[in-house]
């Protein structure tokens, strides 16, 4: 895959744009008993003050119900994981999925991190590693091909993954706006034509 000026034309998503996108897709009501959380990274932060050093932690957490809803959050306090989970619950969004996979290929960019997501057939599994895999698992996407490009910073990788997920569009809506059928958009022949070709 080529990168640079002749690669993907989409610009990296800024912090403010990501925050606004999450706000638009944010869920109002979610059953808390169905949510699962997963800690991606915990960092130790030391602040030097006049009296010595103050030690604290920051945690990056993702939550989801495995049914197309996912969110992420970061906690900076002594109770970092609890605070991160609460922040992630506030950022829960509804994802456009197609069964157990995604409707189309999409590239998410945040800072120097890029995450490419490709739909996969049933039984493929989640071909991903690190933060991307955990996001896919909590979201309930069980068949997908992914590739992480650029920095391996978990914070930027998670935000690039959500930037990609926010870019997913419903295939029926895309077909309607393009005045085409779902089969034409997905590249699959209609059932009638497929049956006719088999008969020949």
N, C-alpha and C. Protein backbone atom coordinates (compact mmCIF):
# COMPACT_ATOMS: atom_id res chain seq x y z
N UNK A 1 0.83 -1.19 0.00
CA UNK A 1 0.00 0.00 0.00
C UNK A 1 0.87 1.24 0.00
N UNK A 2 0.55 2.17 -0.90
CA UNK A 2 1.34 3.37 -1.02
C UNK A 2 0.89 4.41 0.00
N UNK A 3 1.86 5.18 0.44
CA UNK A 3 1.55 6.28 1.35
C UNK A 3 2.13 7.56 0.80
N UNK A 4 1.82 8.67 1.44
CA UNK A 4 2.35 9.94 0.97
C UNK A 4 1.31 10.71 0.19
N UNK A 5 1.78 11.58 -0.70
CA UNK A 5 0.87 12.45 -1.43
C UNK A 5 -0.04 11.68 -2.37
N UNK A 6 0.43 10.54 -2.88
CA UNK A 6 -0.38 9.77 -3.81
C UNK A 6 -1.14 8.65 -3.12
N UNK A 7 -1.05 8.56 -1.82
CA UNK A 7 -1.77 7.53 -1.08
C UNK A 7 -3.17 8.01 -0.76
N UNK A 8 -3.63 7.65 0.42
CA UNK A 8 -4.97 8.06 0.84
C UNK A 8 -5.00 9.56 1.04
N UNK A 9 -6.05 10.17 0.55
CA UNK A 9 -6.15 11.62 0.59
C UNK A 9 -6.70 12.15 1.90
N UNK A 10 -7.26 11.25 2.73
CA UNK A 10 -7.87 11.72 3.97
C UNK A 10 -6.79 12.25 4.92
N UNK A 11 -7.12 13.38 5.58
CA UNK A 11 -6.18 13.99 6.49
C UNK A 11 -6.30 13.36 7.86
N UNK A 12 -5.22 13.39 8.65
CA UNK A 12 -5.31 12.85 10.01
C UNK A 12 -6.40 13.56 10.80
N UNK A 13 -7.15 12.78 11.56
CA UNK A 13 -8.23 13.36 12.36
C UNK A 13 -7.64 14.07 13.57
N UNK A 14 -8.08 15.29 13.80
CA UNK A 14 -7.59 16.05 14.93
C UNK A 14 -8.35 15.66 16.20
N UNK A 15 -7.83 16.11 17.33
CA UNK A 15 -8.44 15.79 18.61
C UNK A 15 -9.85 16.36 18.70
N UNK A 16 -10.04 17.58 18.22
CA UNK A 16 -11.35 18.23 18.29
C UNK A 16 -12.35 17.56 17.37
N UNK A 17 -11.92 17.18 16.16
CA UNK A 17 -12.82 16.52 15.21
C UNK A 17 -13.26 15.17 15.75
N UNK A 18 -12.32 14.41 16.34
CA UNK A 18 -12.65 13.11 16.93
C UNK A 18 -13.65 13.29 18.06
N UNK A 19 -13.44 14.30 18.89
CA UNK A 19 -14.35 14.56 20.01
C UNK A 19 -15.73 14.92 19.51
N UNK A 20 -15.81 15.74 18.46
CA UNK A 20 -17.10 16.13 17.90
C UNK A 20 -17.81 14.95 17.25
N UNK A 21 -17.04 14.08 16.57
CA UNK A 21 -17.61 12.91 15.92
C UNK A 21 -18.18 11.94 16.94
N UNK A 22 -17.48 11.77 18.05
CA UNK A 22 -17.98 10.91 19.12
C UNK A 22 -19.25 11.49 19.72
N UNK A 23 -19.30 12.80 19.84
CA UNK A 23 -20.47 13.44 20.44
C UNK A 23 -21.71 13.24 19.57
N UNK A 24 -21.53 13.27 18.24
CA UNK A 24 -22.66 13.10 17.33
C UNK A 24 -23.20 11.69 17.39
N UNK A 25 -22.32 10.69 17.48
CA UNK A 25 -22.73 9.29 17.46
C UNK A 25 -22.95 8.71 18.86
N UNK A 26 -22.88 9.54 19.88
CA UNK A 26 -22.94 9.05 21.25
C UNK A 26 -24.31 8.46 21.58
N UNK A 27 -24.30 7.37 22.33
CA UNK A 27 -25.53 6.70 22.74
C UNK A 27 -26.10 7.35 23.99
N UNK A 28 -27.41 7.35 24.08
CA UNK A 28 -28.05 7.92 25.26
C UNK A 28 -28.31 6.86 26.33
N UNK A 29 -28.68 5.66 25.91
CA UNK A 29 -29.01 4.61 26.87
C UNK A 29 -28.30 3.31 26.49
N UNK A 30 -27.58 2.76 27.43
CA UNK A 30 -26.90 1.48 27.23
C UNK A 30 -27.07 0.65 28.49
N UNK A 31 -27.31 -0.64 28.31
CA UNK A 31 -27.44 -1.53 29.46
C UNK A 31 -26.07 -1.77 30.07
N UNK A 32 -25.79 -1.28 31.27
CA UNK A 32 -24.45 -1.40 31.85
C UNK A 32 -24.04 -2.84 32.14
N UNK A 33 -25.02 -3.73 32.29
CA UNK A 33 -24.69 -5.13 32.61
C UNK A 33 -24.08 -5.86 31.41
N UNK A 34 -24.31 -5.35 30.19
CA UNK A 34 -23.79 -5.99 28.99
C UNK A 34 -22.41 -5.48 28.59
N UNK A 35 -21.94 -4.43 29.25
CA UNK A 35 -20.66 -3.83 28.86
C UNK A 35 -19.48 -4.62 29.41
N UNK A 36 -18.49 -4.79 28.53
CA UNK A 36 -17.24 -5.42 28.92
C UNK A 36 -16.12 -4.40 28.74
N UNK A 37 -15.15 -4.42 29.66
CA UNK A 37 -14.06 -3.46 29.57
C UNK A 37 -12.73 -4.18 29.43
N UNK A 38 -11.77 -3.51 28.85
CA UNK A 38 -10.43 -4.07 28.66
C UNK A 38 -9.41 -2.94 28.76
N UNK A 39 -8.39 -3.16 29.57
CA UNK A 39 -7.34 -2.17 29.75
C UNK A 39 -6.29 -2.36 28.67
N UNK A 40 -6.00 -1.30 27.93
CA UNK A 40 -5.02 -1.37 26.85
C UNK A 40 -3.63 -0.99 27.34
N UNK A 41 -3.53 0.06 28.11
CA UNK A 41 -2.21 0.51 28.57
C UNK A 41 -2.33 1.25 29.89
N UNK A 42 -1.34 1.07 30.75
CA UNK A 42 -1.24 1.81 32.01
C UNK A 42 0.14 2.46 32.05
N UNK A 43 0.16 3.76 32.23
CA UNK A 43 1.42 4.50 32.29
C UNK A 43 1.63 5.10 33.68
N UNK A 44 2.87 5.09 34.12
CA UNK A 44 3.20 5.72 35.39
C UNK A 44 3.70 7.14 35.10
N UNK A 45 3.11 8.09 35.80
CA UNK A 45 3.45 9.50 35.59
C UNK A 45 4.04 10.04 36.88
N UNK A 46 5.21 10.65 36.77
CA UNK A 46 5.88 11.25 37.92
C UNK A 46 5.99 12.75 37.72
N UNK A 47 5.47 13.49 38.68
CA UNK A 47 5.53 14.95 38.63
C UNK A 47 6.48 15.45 39.73
N UNK A 48 7.50 16.19 39.32
CA UNK A 48 8.49 16.72 40.27
C UNK A 48 7.99 18.04 40.82
N UNK A 49 7.83 18.09 42.14
CA UNK A 49 7.38 19.30 42.82
C UNK A 49 8.43 19.72 43.85
N UNK A 50 8.15 20.81 44.51
CA UNK A 50 9.13 21.35 45.46
C UNK A 50 9.42 20.38 46.61
N UNK A 51 8.40 19.65 47.04
CA UNK A 51 8.59 18.73 48.16
C UNK A 51 9.10 17.36 47.76
N UNK A 52 9.26 17.11 46.48
CA UNK A 52 9.74 15.80 46.02
C UNK A 52 9.06 15.39 44.73
N UNK A 53 8.62 14.12 44.65
CA UNK A 53 7.97 13.59 43.44
C UNK A 53 6.59 13.07 43.79
N UNK A 54 5.63 13.41 42.95
CA UNK A 54 4.27 12.89 43.09
C UNK A 54 4.05 11.82 42.03
N UNK A 55 3.72 10.63 42.47
CA UNK A 55 3.54 9.49 41.57
C UNK A 55 2.05 9.26 41.31
N UNK A 56 1.68 9.18 40.04
CA UNK A 56 0.29 8.88 39.68
C UNK A 56 0.30 8.00 38.44
N UNK A 57 -0.87 7.56 38.02
CA UNK A 57 -0.99 6.65 36.89
C UNK A 57 -2.06 7.15 35.93
N UNK A 58 -1.92 6.72 34.68
CA UNK A 58 -2.95 6.98 33.67
C UNK A 58 -3.23 5.68 32.94
N UNK A 59 -4.50 5.42 32.69
CA UNK A 59 -4.90 4.15 32.05
C UNK A 59 -5.77 4.44 30.83
N UNK A 60 -5.54 3.68 29.76
CA UNK A 60 -6.35 3.74 28.55
C UNK A 60 -7.24 2.50 28.53
N UNK A 61 -8.56 2.71 28.48
CA UNK A 61 -9.53 1.62 28.61
C UNK A 61 -10.52 1.68 27.46
N UNK A 62 -10.93 0.50 26.96
CA UNK A 62 -12.00 0.41 25.97
C UNK A 62 -13.14 -0.41 26.56
N UNK A 63 -14.37 -0.04 26.22
CA UNK A 63 -15.55 -0.78 26.67
C UNK A 63 -16.46 -1.03 25.47
N UNK A 64 -17.29 -2.07 25.57
CA UNK A 64 -18.23 -2.39 24.52
C UNK A 64 -19.16 -3.50 24.97
N UNK A 65 -20.24 -3.69 24.20
CA UNK A 65 -21.20 -4.74 24.55
C UNK A 65 -21.16 -5.91 23.58
N UNK A 66 -20.16 -5.94 22.68
CA UNK A 66 -20.00 -7.00 21.68
C UNK A 66 -21.16 -7.05 20.69
N UNK A 67 -21.93 -5.97 20.59
CA UNK A 67 -23.05 -5.91 19.65
C UNK A 67 -23.03 -4.61 18.85
N UNK A 68 -21.83 -4.16 18.50
CA UNK A 68 -21.72 -2.97 17.67
C UNK A 68 -21.65 -1.67 18.43
N UNK A 69 -21.41 -1.72 19.74
CA UNK A 69 -21.27 -0.51 20.53
C UNK A 69 -19.91 -0.54 21.21
N UNK A 70 -19.17 0.55 21.11
CA UNK A 70 -17.83 0.60 21.70
C UNK A 70 -17.47 2.03 22.05
N UNK A 71 -16.53 2.16 22.99
CA UNK A 71 -16.04 3.48 23.38
C UNK A 71 -14.70 3.35 24.06
N UNK A 72 -13.99 4.45 24.18
CA UNK A 72 -12.70 4.44 24.84
C UNK A 72 -12.60 5.63 25.77
N UNK A 73 -11.72 5.51 26.77
CA UNK A 73 -11.54 6.61 27.71
C UNK A 73 -10.20 6.49 28.41
N UNK A 74 -9.76 7.58 29.02
CA UNK A 74 -8.49 7.59 29.74
C UNK A 74 -8.71 8.20 31.11
N UNK A 75 -8.17 7.50 32.12
CA UNK A 75 -8.29 7.98 33.48
C UNK A 75 -6.95 8.41 34.03
N UNK A 76 -6.93 9.53 34.70
CA UNK A 76 -5.70 10.04 35.32
C UNK A 76 -6.00 10.31 36.79
N UNK A 77 -5.75 9.32 37.63
CA UNK A 77 -6.00 9.46 39.06
C UNK A 77 -5.47 8.21 39.74
N UNK A 78 -5.72 8.10 41.03
CA UNK A 78 -5.31 6.89 41.74
C UNK A 78 -6.17 5.71 41.32
N UNK A 79 -7.48 5.97 41.16
CA UNK A 79 -8.38 4.92 40.68
C UNK A 79 -8.47 5.03 39.15
N UNK A 80 -7.34 4.77 38.46
CA UNK A 80 -7.26 5.05 37.03
C UNK A 80 -8.19 4.18 36.20
N UNK A 81 -8.25 2.89 36.52
CA UNK A 81 -9.05 1.98 35.70
C UNK A 81 -10.53 2.31 35.84
N UNK A 82 -10.97 2.55 37.07
CA UNK A 82 -12.38 2.88 37.31
C UNK A 82 -12.75 4.17 36.60
N UNK A 83 -11.87 5.17 36.69
CA UNK A 83 -12.13 6.45 36.05
C UNK A 83 -12.11 6.32 34.53
N UNK A 84 -11.17 5.50 34.01
CA UNK A 84 -11.11 5.28 32.57
C UNK A 84 -12.35 4.59 32.04
N UNK A 85 -12.89 3.62 32.80
CA UNK A 85 -14.11 2.92 32.38
C UNK A 85 -15.29 3.88 32.34
N UNK A 86 -15.39 4.74 33.35
CA UNK A 86 -16.48 5.71 33.38
C UNK A 86 -16.39 6.67 32.19
N UNK A 87 -15.17 7.08 31.86
CA UNK A 87 -14.98 7.97 30.70
C UNK A 87 -15.33 7.26 29.40
N UNK A 88 -14.95 5.98 29.30
CA UNK A 88 -15.24 5.21 28.09
C UNK A 88 -16.74 5.02 27.91
N UNK A 89 -17.47 4.82 29.00
CA UNK A 89 -18.92 4.65 28.91
C UNK A 89 -19.60 5.91 28.38
N UNK A 90 -19.02 7.07 28.70
CA UNK A 90 -19.58 8.32 28.19
C UNK A 90 -19.33 8.49 26.70
N UNK A 91 -18.31 7.79 26.17
CA UNK A 91 -17.96 7.90 24.75
C UNK A 91 -18.48 6.75 23.91
N UNK A 92 -19.40 5.96 24.44
CA UNK A 92 -19.94 4.83 23.68
C UNK A 92 -20.65 5.31 22.42
N UNK A 93 -20.39 4.63 21.30
CA UNK A 93 -21.01 4.99 20.03
C UNK A 93 -21.58 3.76 19.36
N UNK A 94 -22.52 3.97 18.45
CA UNK A 94 -23.12 2.92 17.65
C UNK A 94 -22.34 2.80 16.35
N UNK A 95 -21.88 1.59 16.03
CA UNK A 95 -21.07 1.36 14.83
C UNK A 95 -21.92 0.79 13.71
N UNK A 96 -21.59 1.15 12.47
CA UNK A 96 -22.25 0.57 11.31
C UNK A 96 -21.54 -0.72 10.95
N UNK A 97 -22.22 -1.84 11.18
CA UNK A 97 -21.65 -3.15 10.92
C UNK A 97 -22.47 -3.90 9.87
N UNK A 98 -21.86 -4.93 9.32
CA UNK A 98 -22.54 -5.80 8.37
C UNK A 98 -22.37 -7.23 8.88
N UNK A 99 -23.33 -7.67 9.69
CA UNK A 99 -23.20 -8.98 10.32
C UNK A 99 -22.10 -8.98 11.36
N UNK A 100 -21.10 -9.84 11.17
CA UNK A 100 -19.99 -9.93 12.12
C UNK A 100 -18.75 -9.19 11.62
N UNK A 101 -18.90 -8.45 10.50
CA UNK A 101 -17.76 -7.73 9.95
C UNK A 101 -18.16 -6.28 9.67
N UNK A 102 -17.35 -5.58 8.91
CA UNK A 102 -17.65 -4.18 8.58
C UNK A 102 -18.13 -4.09 7.13
N UNK A 103 -18.90 -3.07 6.77
CA UNK A 103 -19.48 -3.02 5.42
C UNK A 103 -18.50 -2.74 4.30
N UNK A 104 -17.39 -2.05 4.60
CA UNK A 104 -16.45 -1.70 3.54
C UNK A 104 -15.09 -1.38 4.13
N UNK A 105 -14.10 -1.27 3.26
CA UNK A 105 -12.74 -0.93 3.70
C UNK A 105 -12.67 0.53 4.11
N UNK A 106 -11.89 0.79 5.16
CA UNK A 106 -11.78 2.16 5.66
C UNK A 106 -10.42 2.36 6.30
N UNK A 107 -9.92 3.59 6.20
CA UNK A 107 -8.63 3.94 6.80
C UNK A 107 -8.86 5.05 7.81
N UNK A 108 -8.39 4.83 9.04
CA UNK A 108 -8.48 5.85 10.07
C UNK A 108 -7.11 6.42 10.38
N UNK A 109 -7.03 7.73 10.54
CA UNK A 109 -5.75 8.38 10.82
C UNK A 109 -5.91 9.31 12.00
N UNK A 110 -4.95 9.22 12.91
CA UNK A 110 -4.90 10.14 14.05
C UNK A 110 -3.44 10.39 14.38
N UNK A 111 -3.01 11.63 14.23
CA UNK A 111 -1.60 11.92 14.44
C UNK A 111 -0.76 11.17 13.41
N UNK A 112 0.25 10.45 13.89
CA UNK A 112 1.10 9.67 12.99
C UNK A 112 0.67 8.21 12.93
N UNK A 113 -0.49 7.89 13.50
CA UNK A 113 -0.99 6.51 13.47
C UNK A 113 -2.04 6.35 12.37
N UNK A 114 -1.97 5.24 11.66
CA UNK A 114 -2.95 4.89 10.64
C UNK A 114 -3.40 3.46 10.87
N UNK A 115 -4.70 3.23 10.80
CA UNK A 115 -5.26 1.89 10.98
C UNK A 115 -6.17 1.59 9.79
N UNK A 116 -5.84 0.52 9.07
CA UNK A 116 -6.62 0.09 7.91
C UNK A 116 -7.50 -1.09 8.32
N UNK A 117 -8.80 -1.00 8.04
CA UNK A 117 -9.74 -2.07 8.34
C UNK A 117 -10.35 -2.58 7.05
N UNK A 118 -10.38 -3.91 6.89
CA UNK A 118 -10.96 -4.53 5.70
C UNK A 118 -11.98 -5.58 6.12
N UNK A 119 -13.12 -5.63 5.43
CA UNK A 119 -14.10 -6.68 5.76
C UNK A 119 -13.56 -8.06 5.43
N UNK A 120 -14.00 -9.06 6.17
CA UNK A 120 -13.53 -10.43 5.97
C UNK A 120 -14.73 -11.38 6.01
N UNK A 121 -14.58 -12.52 5.37
CA UNK A 121 -15.65 -13.51 5.32
C UNK A 121 -15.79 -14.24 6.65
N UNK A 122 -16.92 -14.89 6.83
CA UNK A 122 -17.19 -15.61 8.07
C UNK A 122 -16.14 -16.69 8.32
N UNK A 123 -15.64 -16.75 9.54
CA UNK A 123 -14.64 -17.74 9.91
C UNK A 123 -13.22 -17.22 9.84
N UNK A 124 -13.02 -16.00 9.32
CA UNK A 124 -11.68 -15.44 9.22
C UNK A 124 -11.11 -15.10 10.60
N UNK A 125 -11.95 -14.56 11.45
CA UNK A 125 -11.49 -14.14 12.77
C UNK A 125 -10.98 -12.71 12.74
N UNK A 126 -10.44 -12.27 13.86
CA UNK A 126 -9.89 -10.92 13.97
C UNK A 126 -8.39 -10.97 13.72
N UNK A 127 -7.99 -10.52 12.54
CA UNK A 127 -6.56 -10.48 12.19
C UNK A 127 -6.04 -9.11 12.60
N UNK A 128 -5.65 -9.01 13.84
CA UNK A 128 -5.18 -7.73 14.38
C UNK A 128 -4.33 -8.02 15.61
N UNK A 129 -3.61 -7.02 16.02
CA UNK A 129 -2.77 -7.18 17.19
C UNK A 129 -2.86 -5.97 18.10
N UNK A 130 -2.58 -6.18 19.38
CA UNK A 130 -2.50 -5.09 20.33
C UNK A 130 -3.80 -4.35 20.52
N UNK A 131 -3.74 -3.02 20.54
CA UNK A 131 -4.93 -2.20 20.81
C UNK A 131 -6.07 -2.41 19.83
N UNK A 132 -5.75 -2.61 18.54
CA UNK A 132 -6.79 -2.77 17.52
C UNK A 132 -7.63 -4.01 17.81
N UNK A 133 -6.98 -5.10 18.19
CA UNK A 133 -7.69 -6.35 18.50
C UNK A 133 -8.66 -6.15 19.66
N UNK A 134 -8.22 -5.46 20.69
CA UNK A 134 -9.08 -5.25 21.86
C UNK A 134 -10.30 -4.41 21.52
N UNK A 135 -10.12 -3.42 20.65
CA UNK A 135 -11.26 -2.60 20.23
C UNK A 135 -12.24 -3.45 19.43
N UNK A 136 -11.75 -4.29 18.53
CA UNK A 136 -12.61 -5.15 17.73
C UNK A 136 -13.38 -6.13 18.62
N UNK A 137 -12.73 -6.65 19.64
CA UNK A 137 -13.36 -7.63 20.51
C UNK A 137 -14.50 -7.03 21.32
N UNK A 138 -14.28 -5.85 21.90
CA UNK A 138 -15.35 -5.25 22.71
C UNK A 138 -16.49 -4.74 21.83
N UNK A 139 -16.18 -4.41 20.56
CA UNK A 139 -17.22 -3.93 19.65
C UNK A 139 -18.04 -5.07 19.07
N UNK A 140 -17.53 -6.30 19.12
CA UNK A 140 -18.26 -7.44 18.57
C UNK A 140 -17.97 -7.71 17.11
N UNK A 141 -16.91 -7.12 16.58
CA UNK A 141 -16.50 -7.39 15.19
C UNK A 141 -15.60 -8.62 15.21
N UNK A 142 -16.11 -9.75 14.74
CA UNK A 142 -15.39 -11.03 14.87
C UNK A 142 -14.68 -11.46 13.60
N UNK A 143 -14.93 -10.79 12.48
CA UNK A 143 -14.26 -11.13 11.23
C UNK A 143 -13.80 -9.85 10.55
N UNK A 144 -12.50 -9.60 10.61
CA UNK A 144 -11.97 -8.36 10.04
C UNK A 144 -10.47 -8.50 9.82
N UNK A 145 -9.96 -7.85 8.78
CA UNK A 145 -8.53 -7.78 8.51
C UNK A 145 -8.07 -6.37 8.83
N UNK A 146 -6.99 -6.24 9.58
CA UNK A 146 -6.51 -4.91 9.96
C UNK A 146 -5.01 -4.79 9.73
N UNK A 147 -4.58 -3.56 9.61
CA UNK A 147 -3.15 -3.28 9.50
C UNK A 147 -2.88 -1.94 10.16
N UNK A 148 -1.93 -1.93 11.10
CA UNK A 148 -1.57 -0.69 11.79
C UNK A 148 -0.28 -0.15 11.17
N UNK A 149 -0.31 1.12 10.79
CA UNK A 149 0.82 1.75 10.10
C UNK A 149 1.26 2.96 10.91
N UNK A 150 2.55 3.18 10.97
CA UNK A 150 3.06 4.34 11.66
C UNK A 150 3.41 4.04 13.11
N UNK A 151 3.12 4.97 13.98
CA UNK A 151 3.49 4.84 15.38
C UNK A 151 2.76 3.68 16.05
N UNK A 152 3.40 3.13 17.08
CA UNK A 152 2.79 2.06 17.86
C UNK A 152 2.26 2.57 19.19
N UNK A 153 2.23 3.90 19.35
CA UNK A 153 1.68 4.49 20.57
C UNK A 153 0.23 4.05 20.73
N UNK A 154 -0.10 3.33 21.83
CA UNK A 154 -1.46 2.78 21.97
C UNK A 154 -2.55 3.83 21.97
N UNK A 155 -2.29 5.02 22.51
CA UNK A 155 -3.29 6.08 22.54
C UNK A 155 -3.65 6.52 21.12
N UNK A 156 -2.64 6.77 20.28
CA UNK A 156 -2.90 7.19 18.90
C UNK A 156 -3.50 6.06 18.07
N UNK A 157 -3.07 4.81 18.33
CA UNK A 157 -3.60 3.67 17.59
C UNK A 157 -5.08 3.47 17.89
N UNK A 158 -5.48 3.58 19.15
CA UNK A 158 -6.89 3.44 19.53
C UNK A 158 -7.72 4.55 18.90
N UNK A 159 -7.21 5.78 18.93
CA UNK A 159 -7.95 6.90 18.36
C UNK A 159 -8.04 6.79 16.84
N UNK A 160 -6.99 6.25 16.19
CA UNK A 160 -7.05 6.02 14.75
C UNK A 160 -8.04 4.92 14.42
N UNK A 161 -8.13 3.90 15.29
CA UNK A 161 -9.10 2.82 15.09
C UNK A 161 -10.52 3.36 15.18
N UNK A 162 -10.79 4.21 16.17
CA UNK A 162 -12.13 4.78 16.29
C UNK A 162 -12.41 5.77 15.16
N UNK A 163 -11.37 6.44 14.67
CA UNK A 163 -11.55 7.32 13.52
C UNK A 163 -11.99 6.50 12.30
N UNK A 164 -11.43 5.30 12.16
CA UNK A 164 -11.83 4.41 11.07
C UNK A 164 -13.26 3.91 11.27
N UNK A 165 -13.60 3.51 12.50
CA UNK A 165 -14.94 3.00 12.79
C UNK A 165 -16.00 4.09 12.60
N UNK A 166 -15.63 5.33 12.92
CA UNK A 166 -16.57 6.44 12.71
C UNK A 166 -16.78 6.72 11.23
N UNK A 167 -15.82 6.29 10.39
CA UNK A 167 -15.92 6.50 8.95
C UNK A 167 -16.73 5.44 8.24
N UNK A 168 -17.17 4.40 8.98
CA UNK A 168 -17.97 3.34 8.36
C UNK A 168 -19.37 3.86 8.05
N UNK A 169 -19.84 3.56 6.84
CA UNK A 169 -21.17 3.99 6.42
C UNK A 169 -22.04 2.78 6.16
N UNK A 170 -23.32 2.94 6.39
CA UNK A 170 -24.28 1.86 6.14
C UNK A 170 -24.35 1.61 4.64
N UNK A 171 -24.20 0.36 4.24
CA UNK A 171 -24.12 0.02 2.81
C UNK A 171 -25.42 0.35 2.08
N UNK A 172 -26.56 0.20 2.77
CA UNK A 172 -27.85 0.53 2.15
C UNK A 172 -27.96 2.03 1.89
N UNK A 173 -27.45 2.83 2.82
CA UNK A 173 -27.49 4.30 2.66
C UNK A 173 -26.57 4.73 1.52
N UNK A 174 -25.38 4.09 1.44
CA UNK A 174 -24.45 4.42 0.35
C UNK A 174 -25.05 4.06 -1.00
N UNK A 175 -25.71 2.91 -1.08
CA UNK A 175 -26.33 2.48 -2.33
C UNK A 175 -27.45 3.44 -2.74
N UNK A 176 -28.20 3.93 -1.76
CA UNK A 176 -29.30 4.86 -2.05
C UNK A 176 -28.77 6.20 -2.56
N UNK A 177 -27.70 6.70 -1.93
CA UNK A 177 -27.15 7.99 -2.36
C UNK A 177 -26.51 7.89 -3.74
N UNK A 178 -26.01 6.71 -4.11
CA UNK A 178 -25.39 6.52 -5.42
C UNK A 178 -26.37 6.02 -6.47
N UNK A 179 -27.63 5.84 -6.08
CA UNK A 179 -28.67 5.32 -6.98
C UNK A 179 -28.28 3.96 -7.55
N UNK A 180 -27.74 3.12 -6.69
CA UNK A 180 -27.36 1.76 -7.08
C UNK A 180 -27.95 0.77 -6.09
N UNK A 181 -27.84 -0.51 -6.45
CA UNK A 181 -28.32 -1.55 -5.54
C UNK A 181 -27.21 -1.94 -4.58
N UNK A 182 -27.61 -2.64 -3.51
CA UNK A 182 -26.64 -3.09 -2.52
C UNK A 182 -25.66 -4.07 -3.15
N UNK A 183 -26.16 -4.90 -4.10
CA UNK A 183 -25.29 -5.88 -4.75
C UNK A 183 -24.22 -5.20 -5.59
N UNK A 184 -24.57 -4.10 -6.24
CA UNK A 184 -23.59 -3.37 -7.06
C UNK A 184 -22.53 -2.73 -6.18
N UNK A 185 -22.93 -2.21 -5.03
CA UNK A 185 -21.97 -1.58 -4.12
C UNK A 185 -21.02 -2.61 -3.53
N UNK A 186 -21.60 -3.77 -3.13
CA UNK A 186 -20.77 -4.79 -2.48
C UNK A 186 -19.99 -5.64 -3.46
N UNK A 187 -20.29 -5.49 -4.76
CA UNK A 187 -19.56 -6.26 -5.76
C UNK A 187 -20.08 -7.67 -5.96
N UNK A 188 -21.26 -7.97 -5.39
CA UNK A 188 -21.85 -9.31 -5.52
C UNK A 188 -22.94 -9.28 -6.57
N UNK A 189 -23.03 -10.31 -7.43
CA UNK A 189 -24.08 -10.34 -8.45
C UNK A 189 -25.43 -10.61 -7.82
N UNK A 190 -26.52 -10.09 -8.39
CA UNK A 190 -27.86 -10.38 -7.86
C UNK A 190 -28.14 -11.88 -7.88
N UNK A 191 -29.07 -12.31 -7.01
CA UNK A 191 -29.36 -13.75 -6.89
C UNK A 191 -29.89 -14.31 -8.19
N UNK A 192 -30.71 -13.51 -8.90
CA UNK A 192 -31.28 -14.02 -10.16
C UNK A 192 -30.18 -14.30 -11.18
N UNK A 193 -29.23 -13.33 -11.31
CA UNK A 193 -28.16 -13.52 -12.28
C UNK A 193 -27.24 -14.67 -11.86
N UNK A 194 -27.01 -14.80 -10.56
CA UNK A 194 -26.15 -15.87 -10.09
C UNK A 194 -26.79 -17.22 -10.37
N UNK A 195 -28.11 -17.32 -10.18
CA UNK A 195 -28.82 -18.58 -10.44
C UNK A 195 -28.83 -18.90 -11.93
N UNK A 196 -28.98 -17.85 -12.76
CA UNK A 196 -28.97 -18.05 -14.21
C UNK A 196 -27.64 -18.51 -14.70
N UNK A 197 -26.55 -17.96 -14.14
CA UNK A 197 -25.22 -18.37 -14.56
C UNK A 197 -24.93 -19.80 -14.15
N UNK A 198 -25.46 -20.21 -12.98
CA UNK A 198 -25.28 -21.59 -12.56
C UNK A 198 -26.03 -22.57 -13.44
N UNK A 199 -27.22 -22.10 -13.94
CA UNK A 199 -28.03 -22.96 -14.82
C UNK A 199 -27.36 -23.14 -16.17
N UNK A 200 -26.64 -22.11 -16.64
CA UNK A 200 -25.96 -22.24 -17.93
C UNK A 200 -24.78 -23.19 -17.81
